[in-house]
Amino acid sequence: MSATFIDCPPFLHEIYQAELATLVPDLVVHVGSPSGPEAIERLAGSRFALNDHTQMDAALLGACPQLEAIVFLGTGAASFIDLAAAERLGIKVRAYGGYGDQSVAEHALGLMLAAARQIALMDRAIRAGHWDALNGVELAGKVLGVVGTGGIGRRMIQLGAGLGMEVIAWNRSGVPAGLACRAVALDDLMQQADVVSLHVALNEASRGLIDRRRLGLLRPDAILVNTARGAILDEAALIEALQAGRLRHAALDVFADEPIGADHPLAKLDNVTLTSHAAFMTREASTRLLRMALEILIEERAQA
């Protein structure tokens, strides 16, 4: 029952060889991103596939009649795999989350601290030969609004409470009991929070959730942190608010279109801190990501 990892990133390959090869020792690992025809070649004869980031449309899936199951590393399989075609062809697609909850929440915390204390701006100034001691914001006692209380949001609530912040939260299906926060309506959260941190999954219900109207509810001294997905908020409206000084700072790891470059409007603003969609990028999270994929692969092979 052959299994192939069709597009293993080099850092995951190193982790597989160093720590996880004994889980699935016969896994055929291809490092690097294949084209469509190359992906078909790599899948030839394989009944099971691991996919990190390769586009698998109906034509590609149809060219692999022996394929029984695809394990997509992480969430967002629908962005890379034609799920309807896979279902028609009888190919099971498995995806999963939870591997990077702590890492992403810690990154969001780091962005919040960087924004509150203008760390990136001072770093850039010093490198340019300027010694500017900038005023910051003490976060203890301030209100942190967490939008989405899944695994990442729950950890962000814990981290914010640990800093001595008052945490309020909103979740579409309701905020679970027992969290160190107070549940509020989303509009109330936007109006009350000193810091808003976004932690909802991207789907049709959440696309554009933080629209122009809701951005207008934010206080002018508020900080907005986004480590979820760029399409959750209206990026054009956010840029306008930042340019007009209607928002203190935005700290962003994700964008409407990626990657962005130095000519992007967000990259030209001093009241913005940017990172390159790297919130999940820790060795710990990557190890969990690959381990969980291999464990799912083992399950699928056992059921075949």
Foldseek 3Di string as FASTA:
>chain_A
DAEEAQEDEPVLVVCCVPPNCVLPVRYHYDYHADDLVSSLVRCVPHQEYEYEAAAAELVSVVSRLNHAEYEYQADDVVVRYVVVSCVVSNYHYHHDHDLQLLLLLVVLVVLVVCLQLVVVLQVVQVVVPHHDRDDGDQQAAFEEEEEADDSNSLVNQVVSVVSNHAYEYEYPVDDDPDGRYHYDDLLVSQQRGQEYEYDDADDPVQQQCAELVSPLNHALNHEYEYLHEARSHDVVSVLVCQVVSRHQAYEYQYHPDPDDDCPDSQNPGSRYHYHDSCSRDDSSSSSSSVVVSSVVVVVVVVVD
